[in-house]
Amino acid sequence: MIIDVIHPGRANVAKSELCELLAGMYKSDAKLTTVFGFKTAFGGGKSTGFCLIYDDEDSMLKFEPKYRLVRKGAIKAKEYSRKAIKEAKNKRLKIRGTGASIAKHKAKRAGDD
């Protein structure tokens, strides 16, 4: 759903605060409410954004993009070293022929560790 927030005298409203408010309005849990994409109108005082309210945590984990789940704190972000990512990429680029798909998969797995 689209949300219009009127906040005179404030620069913005915290997303956590909005989640709590929306969860109360729609008789839901704040953990299952996601707000994103807010743009503040020129001159301030009004913001417009999007809100999604999920039925349960499984559906939220299934449909919500990973980066928003990380922001929300529902999942942990994997930490990769920059060097491992680059080495895996270069290994993938060197492979040609029929075994390329298998080797690319192995190289990607090596970069994920």
PDB file of N, CA and C in Angstrom:
ATOM      1  N   MET A   1       0.836  -1.176   0.000  1.00  0.00           N
ATOM      2  CA  MET A   1       0.000   0.000   0.000  1.00  0.00           C
ATOM      3  C   MET A   1       0.880   1.237   0.000  1.00  0.00           C
ATOM      4  N   ILE A   2       0.329   2.334  -0.432  1.00  0.00           N
ATOM      5  CA  ILE A   2       1.040   3.603  -0.446  1.00  0.00           C
ATOM      6  C   ILE A   2       0.677   4.383   0.811  1.00  0.00           C
ATOM      7  N   ILE A   3       1.681   4.973   1.425  1.00  0.00           N
ATOM      8  CA  ILE A   3       1.483   5.701   2.679  1.00  0.00           C
ATOM      9  C   ILE A   3       1.874   7.161   2.481  1.00  0.00           C
ATOM     10  N   ASP A   4       1.013   8.063   2.911  1.00  0.00           N
ATOM     11  CA  ASP A   4       1.336   9.484   2.977  1.00  0.00           C
ATOM     12  C   ASP A   4       1.456   9.860   4.449  1.00  0.00           C
ATOM     13  N   VAL A   5       2.628  10.348   4.834  1.00  0.00           N
ATOM     14  CA  VAL A   5       2.882  10.725   6.222  1.00  0.00           C
ATOM     15  C   VAL A   5       3.036  12.237   6.278  1.00  0.00           C
ATOM     16  N   ILE A   6       2.239  12.873   7.115  1.00  0.00           N
ATOM     17  CA  ILE A   6       2.348  14.318   7.310  1.00  0.00           C
ATOM     18  C   ILE A   6       3.082  14.540   8.618  1.00  0.00           C
ATOM     19  N   HIS A   7       4.234  15.244   8.538  1.00  0.00           N
ATOM     20  CA  HIS A   7       5.079  15.440   9.715  1.00  0.00           C
ATOM     21  C   HIS A   7       5.614  16.871   9.761  1.00  0.00           C
ATOM     22  N   PRO A   8       4.734  17.848  10.042  1.00  0.00           N
ATOM     23  CA  PRO A   8       5.211  19.243  10.121  1.00  0.00           C
ATOM     24  C   PRO A   8       6.148  19.429  11.309  1.00  0.00           C
ATOM     25  N   GLY A   9       7.210  20.171  11.072  1.00  0.00           N
ATOM     26  CA  GLY A   9       8.157  20.442  12.141  1.00  0.00           C
ATOM     27  C   GLY A   9       9.199  19.361  12.339  1.00  0.00           C
ATOM     28  N   ARG A  10       9.117  18.266  11.596  1.00  0.00           N
ATOM     29  CA  ARG A  10      10.099  17.187  11.688  1.00  0.00           C
ATOM     30  C   ARG A  10      10.703  16.955  10.319  1.00  0.00           C
ATOM     31  N   ALA A  11      11.958  16.586  10.287  1.00  0.00           N
ATOM     32  CA  ALA A  11      12.605  16.310   9.005  1.00  0.00           C
ATOM     33  C   ALA A  11      12.033  15.041   8.385  1.00  0.00           C
ATOM     34  N   ASN A  12      11.975  13.988   9.154  1.00  0.00           N
ATOM     35  CA  ASN A  12      11.441  12.703   8.706  1.00  0.00           C
ATOM     36  C   ASN A  12      10.865  11.954   9.891  1.00  0.00           C
ATOM     37  N   VAL A  13      10.208  10.848   9.591  1.00  0.00           N
ATOM     38  CA  VAL A  13       9.691   9.976  10.637  1.00  0.00           C
ATOM     39  C   VAL A  13      10.455   8.661  10.529  1.00  0.00           C
ATOM     40  N   ALA A  14      10.878   8.121  11.653  1.00  0.00           N
ATOM     41  CA  ALA A  14      11.639   6.875  11.655  1.00  0.00           C
ATOM     42  C   ALA A  14      10.784   5.725  11.131  1.00  0.00           C
ATOM     43  N   LYS A  15      11.414   4.845  10.361  1.00  0.00           N
ATOM     44  CA  LYS A  15      10.686   3.705   9.801  1.00  0.00           C
ATOM     45  C   LYS A  15      10.195   2.768  10.895  1.00  0.00           C
ATOM     46  N   SER A  16      10.971   2.628  11.963  1.00  0.00           N
ATOM     47  CA  SER A  16      10.538   1.774  13.073  1.00  0.00           C
ATOM     48  C   SER A  16       9.277   2.339  13.723  1.00  0.00           C
ATOM     49  N   GLU A  17       9.227   3.649  13.834  1.00  0.00           N
ATOM     50  CA  GLU A  17       8.046   4.314  14.397  1.00  0.00           C
ATOM     51  C   GLU A  17       6.825   4.081  13.499  1.00  0.00           C
ATOM     52  N   LEU A  18       7.032   4.175  12.191  1.00  0.00           N
ATOM     53  CA  LEU A  18       5.934   3.931  11.249  1.00  0.00           C
ATOM     54  C   LEU A  18       5.459   2.490  11.299  1.00  0.00           C
ATOM     55  N   CYS A  19       6.402   1.551  11.421  1.00  0.00           N
ATOM     56  CA  CYS A  19       6.028   0.135  11.515  1.00  0.00           C
ATOM     57  C   CYS A  19       5.143  -0.113  12.731  1.00  0.00           C
ATOM     58  N   GLU A  20       5.517   0.466  13.861  1.00  0.00           N
ATOM     59  CA  GLU A  20       4.721   0.311  15.082  1.00  0.00           C
ATOM     60  C   GLU A  20       3.320   0.883  14.899  1.00  0.00           C
ATOM     61  N   LEU A  21       3.244   2.072  14.304  1.00  0.00           N
ATOM     62  CA  LEU A  21       1.962   2.744  14.100  1.00  0.00           C
ATOM     63  C   LEU A  21       1.057   1.954  13.154  1.00  0.00           C
ATOM     64  N   LEU A  22       1.626   1.483  12.041  1.00  0.00           N
ATOM     65  CA  LEU A  22       0.848   0.720  11.066  1.00  0.00           C
ATOM     66  C   LEU A  22       0.412  -0.630  11.618  1.00  0.00           C
ATOM     67  N   ALA A  23       1.279  -1.264  12.395  1.00  0.00           N
ATOM     68  CA  ALA A  23       0.921  -2.544  13.002  1.00  0.00           C
ATOM     69  C   ALA A  23      -0.265  -2.368  13.947  1.00  0.00           C
ATOM     70  N   GLY A  24      -0.291  -1.272  14.665  1.00  0.00           N
ATOM     71  CA  GLY A  24      -1.429  -1.003  15.544  1.00  0.00           C
ATOM     72  C   GLY A  24      -2.700  -0.713  14.767  1.00  0.00           C
ATOM     73  N   MET A  25      -2.571   0.032  13.665  1.00  0.00           N
ATOM     74  CA  MET A  25      -3.742   0.379  12.856  1.00  0.00           C
ATOM     75  C   MET A  25      -4.377  -0.837  12.198  1.00  0.00           C
ATOM     76  N   TYR A  26      -3.542  -1.762  11.735  1.00  0.00           N
ATOM     77  CA  TYR A  26      -4.037  -2.916  10.985  1.00  0.00           C
ATOM     78  C   TYR A  26      -4.012  -4.209  11.789  1.00  0.00           C
ATOM     79  N   LYS A  27      -3.871  -4.092  13.117  1.00  0.00           N
ATOM     80  CA  LYS A  27      -3.907  -5.238  14.035  1.00  0.00           C
ATOM     81  C   LYS A  27      -2.933  -6.333  13.586  1.00  0.00           C
ATOM     82  N   SER A  28      -1.696  -5.931  13.411  1.00  0.00           N
ATOM     83  CA  SER A  28      -0.652  -6.830  12.954  1.00  0.00           C
ATOM     84  C   SER A  28       0.550  -6.708  13.875  1.00  0.00           C
ATOM     85  N   ASP A  29       1.598  -7.435  13.544  1.00  0.00           N
ATOM     86  CA  ASP A  29       2.840  -7.377  14.308  1.00  0.00           C
ATOM     87  C   ASP A  29       3.813  -6.439  13.598  1.00  0.00           C
ATOM     88  N   ALA A  30       4.528  -5.639  14.353  1.00  0.00           N
ATOM     89  CA  ALA A  30       5.476  -4.687  13.765  1.00  0.00           C
ATOM     90  C   ALA A  30       6.617  -5.406  13.051  1.00  0.00           C
ATOM     91  N   LYS A  31       6.937  -6.643  13.480  1.00  0.00           N
ATOM     92  CA  LYS A  31       7.999  -7.409  12.827  1.00  0.00           C
ATOM     93  C   LYS A  31       7.610  -7.840  11.412  1.00  0.00           C
ATOM     94  N   LEU A  32       6.316  -7.942  11.157  1.00  0.00           N
ATOM     95  CA  LEU A  32       5.836  -8.381   9.848  1.00  0.00           C
ATOM     96  C   LEU A  32       5.478  -7.213   8.942  1.00  0.00           C
ATOM     97  N   THR A  33       5.757  -6.004   9.376  1.00  0.00           N
ATOM     98  CA  THR A  33       5.456  -4.804   8.598  1.00  0.00           C
ATOM     99  C   THR A  33       6.751  -4.246   8.025  1.00  0.00           C
ATOM    100  N   THR A  34       6.744  -3.967   6.728  1.00  0.00           N
ATOM    101  CA  THR A  34       7.919  -3.421   6.061  1.00  0.00           C
ATOM    102  C   THR A  34       7.551  -2.105   5.397  1.00  0.00           C
ATOM    103  N   VAL A  35       8.312  -1.054   5.665  1.00  0.00           N
ATOM    104  CA  VAL A  35       8.109   0.236   5.004  1.00  0.00           C
ATOM    105  C   VAL A  35       9.382   0.575   4.243  1.00  0.00           C
ATOM    106  N   PHE A  36       9.224   1.136   3.043  1.00  0.00           N
ATOM    107  CA  PHE A  36      10.379   1.424   2.205  1.00  0.00           C
ATOM    108  C   PHE A  36      10.022   2.457   1.147  1.00  0.00           C
ATOM    109  N   GLY A  37      11.029   3.005   0.512  1.00  0.00           N
ATOM    110  CA  GLY A  37      10.847   3.896  -0.632  1.00  0.00           C
ATOM    111  C   GLY A  37      10.278   5.255  -0.298  1.00  0.00           C
ATOM    112  N   PHE A  38      10.618   5.802   0.835  1.00  0.00           N
ATOM    113  CA  PHE A  38      10.042   7.089   1.224  1.00  0.00           C
ATOM    114  C   PHE A  38      10.753   8.247   0.543  1.00  0.00           C
ATOM    115  N   LYS A  39       9.971   9.167   0.030  1.00  0.00           N
ATOM    116  CA  LYS A  39      10.469  10.400  -0.570  1.00  0.00           C
ATOM    117  C   LYS A  39       9.816  11.554   0.166  1.00  0.00           C
ATOM    118  N   THR A  40      10.631  12.512   0.585  1.00  0.00           N
ATOM    119  CA  THR A  40      10.117  13.689   1.268  1.00  0.00           C
ATOM    120  C   THR A  40       9.756  14.749   0.235  1.00  0.00           C
ATOM    121  N   ALA A  41       8.594  15.324   0.371  1.00  0.00           N
ATOM    122  CA  ALA A  41       8.143  16.365  -0.553  1.00  0.00           C
ATOM    123  C   ALA A  41       9.004  17.609  -0.399  1.00  0.00           C
ATOM    124  N   PHE A  42       9.125  18.349  -1.476  1.00  0.00           N
ATOM    125  CA  PHE A  42       9.925  19.578  -1.435  1.00  0.00           C
ATOM    126  C   PHE A  42       9.317  20.538  -0.421  1.00  0.00           C
ATOM    127  N   GLY A  43      10.149  21.052   0.454  1.00  0.00           N
ATOM    128  CA  GLY A  43       9.672  21.938   1.509  1.00  0.00           C
ATOM    129  C   GLY A  43       9.430  21.197   2.805  1.00  0.00           C
ATOM    130  N   GLY A  44       9.424  19.878   2.755  1.00  0.00           N
ATOM    131  CA  GLY A  44       9.263  19.065   3.961  1.00  0.00           C
ATOM    132  C   GLY A  44       7.823  18.995   4.432  1.00  0.00           C
ATOM    133  N   GLY A  45       7.617  18.314   5.517  1.00  0.00           N
ATOM    134  CA  GLY A  45       6.294  18.218   6.109  1.00  0.00           C
ATOM    135  C   GLY A  45       5.451  17.065   5.609  1.00  0.00           C
ATOM    136  N   LYS A  46       5.842  16.447   4.493  1.00  0.00           N
ATOM    137  CA  LYS A  46       5.069  15.327   3.967  1.00  0.00           C
ATOM    138  C   LYS A  46       6.009  14.343   3.281  1.00  0.00           C
ATOM    139  N   SER A  47       5.818  13.063   3.549  1.00  0.00           N
ATOM    140  CA  SER A  47       6.590  12.003   2.914  1.00  0.00           C
ATOM    141  C   SER A  47       5.628  10.967   2.358  1.00  0.00           C
ATOM    142  N   THR A  48       6.033  10.339   1.266  1.00  0.00           N
ATOM    143  CA  THR A  48       5.232   9.300   0.642  1.00  0.00           C
ATOM    144  C   THR A  48       6.109   8.078   0.442  1.00  0.00           C
ATOM    145  N   GLY A  49       5.569   6.908   0.781  1.00  0.00           N
ATOM    146  CA  GLY A  49       6.331   5.668   0.634  1.00  0.00           C
ATOM    147  C   GLY A  49       5.411   4.475   0.528  1.00  0.00           C
ATOM    148  N   PHE A  50       6.007   3.303   0.644  1.00  0.00           N
ATOM    149  CA  PHE A  50       5.279   2.042   0.485  1.00  0.00           C
ATOM    150  C   PHE A  50       5.329   1.235   1.766  1.00  0.00           C
ATOM    151  N   CYS A  51       4.318   0.400   1.945  1.00  0.00           N
ATOM    152  CA  CYS A  51       4.244  -0.474   3.112  1.00  0.00           C
ATOM    153  C   CYS A  51       3.716  -1.841   2.679  1.00  0.00           C
ATOM    154  N   LEU A  52       4.326  -2.882   3.228  1.00  0.00           N
ATOM    155  CA  LEU A  52       3.845  -4.247   3.029  1.00  0.00           C
ATOM    156  C   LEU A  52       3.642  -4.879   4.399  1.00  0.00           C
ATOM    157  N   ILE A  53       2.500  -5.519   4.592  1.00  0.00           N
ATOM    158  CA  ILE A  53       2.223  -6.219   5.843  1.00  0.00           C
ATOM    159  C   ILE A  53       2.019  -7.686   5.502  1.00  0.00           C
ATOM    160  N   TYR A  54       2.826  -8.545   6.093  1.00  0.00           N
ATOM    161  CA  TYR A  54       2.786  -9.976   5.800  1.00  0.00           C
ATOM    162  C   TYR A  54       1.963 -10.714   6.843  1.00  0.00           C
ATOM    163  N   ASP A  55       1.398 -11.853   6.434  1.00  0.00           N
ATOM    164  CA  ASP A  55       0.594 -12.672   7.336  1.00  0.00           C
ATOM    165  C   ASP A  55       1.455 -13.390   8.373  1.00  0.00           C
ATOM    166  N   ASP A  56       2.573 -13.950   7.917  1.00  0.00           N
ATOM    167  CA  ASP A  56       3.463 -14.650   8.832  1.00  0.00           C
ATOM    168  C   ASP A  56       4.910 -14.464   8.406  1.00  0.00           C
ATOM    169  N   GLU A  57       5.814 -14.910   9.261  1.00  0.00           N
ATOM    170  CA  GLU A  57       7.241 -14.685   9.007  1.00  0.00           C
ATOM    171  C   GLU A  57       7.738 -15.488   7.813  1.00  0.00           C
ATOM    172  N   ASP A  58       7.162 -16.670   7.586  1.00  0.00           N
ATOM    173  CA  ASP A  58       7.585 -17.486   6.445  1.00  0.00           C
ATOM    174  C   ASP A  58       7.314 -16.787   5.120  1.00  0.00           C
ATOM    175  N   SER A  59       6.152 -16.168   4.984  1.00  0.00           N
ATOM    176  CA  SER A  59       5.839 -15.467   3.742  1.00  0.00           C
ATOM    177  C   SER A  59       6.715 -14.227   3.586  1.00  0.00           C
ATOM    178  N   MET A  60       7.059 -13.587   4.696  1.00  0.00           N
ATOM    179  CA  MET A  60       7.948 -12.431   4.628  1.00  0.00           C
ATOM    180  C   MET A  60       9.332 -12.856   4.142  1.00  0.00           C
ATOM    181  N   LEU A  61       9.848 -13.953   4.688  1.00  0.00           N
ATOM    182  CA  LEU A  61      11.162 -14.441   4.274  1.00  0.00           C
ATOM    183  C   LEU A  61      11.159 -14.915   2.826  1.00  0.00           C
ATOM    184  N   LYS A  62      10.012 -15.380   2.352  1.00  0.00           N
ATOM    185  CA  LYS A  62       9.915 -15.892   0.990  1.00  0.00           C
ATOM    186  C   LYS A  62       9.852 -14.768  -0.044  1.00  0.00           C
ATOM    187  N   PHE A  63       9.078 -13.729   0.209  1.00  0.00           N
ATOM    188  CA  PHE A  63       8.803 -12.715  -0.802  1.00  0.00           C
ATOM    189  C   PHE A  63       9.616 -11.433  -0.670  1.00  0.00           C
ATOM    190  N   GLU A  64      10.056 -11.119   0.507  1.00  0.00           N
ATOM    191  CA  GLU A  64      10.772  -9.856   0.722  1.00  0.00           C
ATOM    192  C   GLU A  64      12.205  -9.976   0.203  1.00  0.00           C
ATOM    193  N   PRO A  65      12.727  -8.937  -0.470  1.00  0.00           N
ATOM    194  CA  PRO A  65      14.115  -8.981  -0.930  1.00  0.00           C
ATOM    195  C   PRO A  65      15.088  -9.091   0.241  1.00  0.00           C
ATOM    196  N   LYS A  66      16.206  -9.755  -0.019  1.00  0.00           N
ATOM    197  CA  LYS A  66      17.168 -10.046   1.049  1.00  0.00           C
ATOM    198  C   LYS A  66      17.711  -8.772   1.701  1.00  0.00           C
ATOM    199  N   TYR A  67      17.964  -7.731   0.899  1.00  0.00           N
ATOM    200  CA  TYR A  67      18.551  -6.526   1.479  1.00  0.00           C
ATOM    201  C   TYR A  67      17.598  -5.860   2.461  1.00  0.00           C
ATOM    202  N   ARG A  68      16.292  -5.952   2.204  1.00  0.00           N
ATOM    203  CA  ARG A  68      15.336  -5.365   3.144  1.00  0.00           C
ATOM    204  C   ARG A  68      15.213  -6.226   4.400  1.00  0.00           C
ATOM    205  N   LEU A  69      15.368  -7.551   4.250  1.00  0.00           N
ATOM    206  CA  LEU A  69      15.360  -8.416   5.425  1.00  0.00           C
ATOM    207  C   LEU A  69      16.571  -8.134   6.313  1.00  0.00           C
ATOM    208  N   VAL A  70      17.712  -7.843   5.681  1.00  0.00           N
ATOM    209  CA  VAL A  70      18.913  -7.509   6.452  1.00  0.00           C
ATOM    210  C   VAL A  70      18.710  -6.187   7.183  1.00  0.00           C
ATOM    211  N   ARG A  71      18.139  -5.187   6.511  1.00  0.00           N
ATOM    212  CA  ARG A  71      17.868  -3.899   7.150  1.00  0.00           C
ATOM    213  C   ARG A  71      16.927  -4.061   8.337  1.00  0.00           C
ATOM    214  N   LYS A  72      15.933  -4.919   8.151  1.00  0.00           N
ATOM    215  CA  LYS A  72      14.932  -5.150   9.188  1.00  0.00           C
ATOM    216  C   LYS A  72      15.507  -5.936  10.360  1.00  0.00           C
ATOM    217  N   GLY A  73      16.574  -6.719  10.113  1.00  0.00           N
ATOM    218  CA  GLY A  73      17.180  -7.538  11.149  1.00  0.00           C
ATOM    219  C   GLY A  73      16.624  -8.938  11.189  1.00  0.00           C
ATOM    220  N   ALA A  74      15.862  -9.332  10.155  1.00  0.00           N
ATOM    221  CA  ALA A  74      15.279 -10.670  10.120  1.00  0.00           C
ATOM    222  C   ALA A  74      16.327 -11.722   9.778  1.00  0.00           C
ATOM    223  N   ILE A  75      17.327 -11.355   8.965  1.00  0.00           N
ATOM    224  CA  ILE A  75      18.414 -12.274   8.642  1.00  0.00           C
ATOM    225  C   ILE A  75      19.742 -11.534   8.785  1.00  0.00           C
ATOM    226  N   LYS A  76      20.816 -12.299   8.861  1.00  0.00           N
ATOM    227  CA  LYS A  76      22.159 -11.728   8.948  1.00  0.00           C
ATOM    228  C   LYS A  76      22.759 -11.651   7.553  1.00  0.00           C
ATOM    229  N   ALA A  77      23.494 -10.589   7.282  1.00  0.00           N
ATOM    230  CA  ALA A  77      24.189 -10.449   6.005  1.00  0.00           C
ATOM    231  C   ALA A  77      25.462 -11.281   6.041  1.00  0.00           C
ATOM    232  N   LYS A  78      25.741 -11.970   4.925  1.00  0.00           N
ATOM    233  CA  LYS A  78      26.979 -12.724   4.836  1.00  0.00           C
ATOM    234  C   LYS A  78      28.114 -11.752   4.556  1.00  0.00           C
ATOM    235  N   GLU A  79      29.232 -11.986   5.208  1.00  0.00           N
ATOM    236  CA  GLU A  79      30.398 -11.123   5.022  1.00  0.00           C
ATOM    237  C   GLU A  79      31.376 -11.839   4.107  1.00  0.00           C
ATOM    238  N   TYR A  80      31.726 -11.176   3.014  1.00  0.00           N
ATOM    239  CA  TYR A  80      32.685 -11.725   2.070  1.00  0.00           C
ATOM    240  C   TYR A  80      33.903 -10.815   2.045  1.00  0.00           C
ATOM    241  N   SER A  81      35.075 -11.442   1.888  1.00  0.00           N
ATOM    242  CA  SER A  81      36.250 -10.598   1.702  1.00  0.00           C
ATOM    243  C   SER A  81      36.299 -10.182   0.237  1.00  0.00           C
ATOM    244  N   ARG A  82      36.752  -8.996   0.005  1.00  0.00           N
ATOM    245  CA  ARG A  82      36.823  -8.446  -1.347  1.00  0.00           C
ATOM    246  C   ARG A  82      37.747  -9.287  -2.229  1.00  0.00           C
ATOM    247  N   LYS A  83      38.830  -9.752  -1.646  1.00  0.00           N
ATOM    248  CA  LYS A  83      39.804 -10.534  -2.408  1.00  0.00           C
ATOM    249  C   LYS A  83      39.203 -11.872  -2.865  1.00  0.00           C
ATOM    250  N   ALA A  84      38.448 -12.537  -1.998  1.00  0.00           N
ATOM    251  CA  ALA A  84      37.843 -13.826  -2.352  1.00  0.00           C
ATOM    252  C   ALA A  84      36.833 -13.665  -3.478  1.00  0.00           C
ATOM    253  N   ILE A  85      36.070 -12.585  -3.457  1.00  0.00           N
ATOM    254  CA  ILE A  85      35.085 -12.333  -4.510  1.00  0.00           C
ATOM    255  C   ILE A  85      35.789 -12.122  -5.843  1.00  0.00           C
ATOM    256  N   LYS A  86      36.859 -11.328  -5.833  1.00  0.00           N
ATOM    257  CA  LYS A  86      37.590 -11.047  -7.064  1.00  0.00           C
ATOM    258  C   LYS A  86      38.287 -12.297  -7.601  1.00  0.00           C
ATOM    259  N   GLU A  87      38.859 -13.113  -6.726  1.00  0.00           N
ATOM    260  CA  GLU A  87      39.521 -14.336  -7.175  1.00  0.00           C
ATOM    261  C   GLU A  87      38.516 -15.304  -7.789  1.00  0.00           C
ATOM    262  N   ALA A  88      37.353 -15.437  -7.193  1.00  0.00           N
ATOM    263  CA  ALA A  88      36.317 -16.319  -7.726  1.00  0.00           C
ATOM    264  C   ALA A  88      35.834 -15.816  -9.089  1.00  0.00           C
ATOM    265  N   LYS A  89      35.692 -14.504  -9.225  1.00  0.00           N
ATOM    266  CA  LYS A  89      35.266 -13.927 -10.504  1.00  0.00           C
ATOM    267  C   LYS A  89      36.290 -14.214 -11.594  1.00  0.00           C
ATOM    268  N   ASN A  90      37.558 -14.003 -11.295  1.00  0.00           N
ATOM    269  CA  ASN A  90      38.610 -14.231 -12.289  1.00  0.00           C
ATOM    270  C   ASN A  90      38.728 -15.704 -12.658  1.00  0.00           C
ATOM    271  N   LYS A  91      38.502 -16.579 -11.696  1.00  0.00           N
ATOM    272  CA  LYS A  91      38.525 -18.013 -11.981  1.00  0.00           C
ATOM    273  C   LYS A  91      37.383 -18.391 -12.917  1.00  0.00           C
ATOM    274  N   ARG A  92      36.207 -17.790 -12.689  1.00  0.00           N
ATOM    275  CA  ARG A  92      35.054 -18.042 -13.568  1.00  0.00           C
ATOM    276  C   ARG A  92      35.318 -17.573 -14.985  1.00  0.00           C
ATOM    277  N   LEU A  93      35.993 -16.439 -15.134  1.00  0.00           N
ATOM    278  CA  LEU A  93      36.225 -15.864 -16.452  1.00  0.00           C
ATOM    279  C   LEU A  93      37.186 -16.692 -17.295  1.00  0.00           C
ATOM    280  N   LYS A  94      38.106 -17.415 -16.655  1.00  0.00           N
ATOM    281  CA  LYS A  94      39.114 -18.182 -17.386  1.00  0.00           C
ATOM    282  C   LYS A  94      38.571 -19.476 -17.979  1.00  0.00           C
ATOM    283  N   ILE A  95      37.436 -19.947 -17.516  1.00  0.00           N
ATOM    284  CA  ILE A  95      36.925 -21.257 -17.909  1.00  0.00           C
ATOM    285  C   ILE A  95      36.109 -21.161 -19.192  1.00  0.00           C
ATOM    286  N   ARG A  96      36.399 -22.098 -20.132  1.00  0.00           N
ATOM    287  CA  ARG A  96      35.660 -22.164 -21.395  1.00  0.00           C
ATOM    288  C   ARG A  96      35.201 -23.598 -21.613  1.00  0.00           C
ATOM    289  N   GLY A  97      34.243 -23.777 -22.534  1.00  0.00           N
ATOM    290  CA  GLY A  97      33.848 -25.122 -22.937  1.00  0.00           C
ATOM    291  C   GLY A  97      32.655 -25.656 -22.184  1.00  0.00           C
ATOM    292  N   THR A  98      32.495 -26.977 -22.270  1.00  0.00           N
ATOM    293  CA  THR A  98      31.295 -27.620 -21.733  1.00  0.00           C
ATOM    294  C   THR A  98      31.282 -27.656 -20.210  1.00  0.00           C
ATOM    295  N   GLY A  99      32.441 -27.671 -19.587  1.00  0.00           N
ATOM    296  CA  GLY A  99      32.499 -27.718 -18.120  1.00  0.00           C
ATOM    297  C   GLY A  99      32.363 -26.360 -17.482  1.00  0.00           C
ATOM    298  N   ALA A 100      32.041 -25.342 -18.278  1.00  0.00           N
ATOM    299  CA  ALA A 100      32.004 -23.984 -17.757  1.00  0.00           C
ATOM    300  C   ALA A 100      30.943 -23.806 -16.681  1.00  0.00           C
ATOM    301  N   SER A 101      29.764 -24.377 -16.898  1.00  0.00           N
ATOM    302  CA  SER A 101      28.689 -24.168 -15.926  1.00  0.00           C
ATOM    303  C   SER A 101      29.025 -24.811 -14.583  1.00  0.00           C
ATOM    304  N   ILE A 102      29.637 -25.994 -14.629  1.00  0.00           N
ATOM    305  CA  ILE A 102      30.014 -26.674 -13.384  1.00  0.00           C
ATOM    306  C   ILE A 102      31.122 -25.904 -12.685  1.00  0.00           C
ATOM    307  N   ALA A 103      32.114 -25.482 -13.436  1.00  0.00           N
ATOM    308  CA  ALA A 103      33.240 -24.768 -12.852  1.00  0.00           C
ATOM    309  C   ALA A 103      32.820 -23.402 -12.323  1.00  0.00           C
ATOM    310  N   LYS A 104      31.898 -22.737 -13.028  1.00  0.00           N
ATOM    311  CA  LYS A 104      31.404 -21.445 -12.550  1.00  0.00           C
ATOM    312  C   LYS A 104      30.709 -21.606 -11.213  1.00  0.00           C
ATOM    313  N   HIS A 105      29.936 -22.681 -11.098  1.00  0.00           N
ATOM    314  CA  HIS A 105      29.229 -22.953  -9.850  1.00  0.00           C
ATOM    315  C   HIS A 105      30.231 -23.177  -8.721  1.00  0.00           C
ATOM    316  N   LYS A 106      31.293 -23.958  -9.005  1.00  0.00           N
ATOM    317  CA  LYS A 106      32.306 -24.218  -7.991  1.00  0.00           C
ATOM    318  C   LYS A 106      33.042 -22.932  -7.602  1.00  0.00           C
ATOM    319  N   ALA A 107      33.332 -22.100  -8.590  1.00  0.00           N
ATOM    320  CA  ALA A 107      34.026 -20.841  -8.309  1.00  0.00           C
ATOM    321  C   ALA A 107      33.156 -19.922  -7.479  1.00  0.00           C
ATOM    322  N   LYS A 108      31.864 -19.917  -7.774  1.00  0.00           N
ATOM    323  CA  LYS A 108      30.953 -19.058  -7.012  1.00  0.00           C
ATOM    324  C   LYS A 108      30.871 -19.542  -5.565  1.00  0.00           C
ATOM    325  N   ARG A 109      30.835 -20.869  -5.384  1.00  0.00           N
ATOM    326  CA  ARG A 109      30.793 -21.423  -4.034  1.00  0.00           C
ATOM    327  C   ARG A 109      32.076 -21.097  -3.257  1.00  0.00           C
ATOM    328  N   ALA A 110      33.211 -21.088  -3.981  1.00  0.00           N
ATOM    329  CA  ALA A 110      34.476 -20.750  -3.343  1.00  0.00           C
ATOM    330  C   ALA A 110      34.472 -19.302  -2.878  1.00  0.00           C
ATOM    331  N   GLY A 111      33.856 -18.412  -3.654  1.00  0.00           N
ATOM    332  CA  GLY A 111      33.773 -17.017  -3.273  1.00  0.00           C
ATOM    333  C   GLY A 111      32.815 -16.781  -2.127  1.00  0.00           C
ATOM    334  N   ASP A 112      31.807 -17.649  -1.972  1.00  0.00           N
ATOM    335  CA  ASP A 112      30.822 -17.486  -0.906  1.00  0.00           C
ATOM    336  C   ASP A 112      31.384 -17.878   0.462  1.00  0.00           C
ATOM    337  N   ASP A 113      32.403 -18.714   0.489  1.00  0.00           N
ATOM    338  CA  ASP A 113      32.940 -19.165   1.778  1.00  0.00           C
ATOM    339  C   ASP A 113      33.728 -18.148   2.454  1.00  0.00           C
TER     340      ASP A 113
END
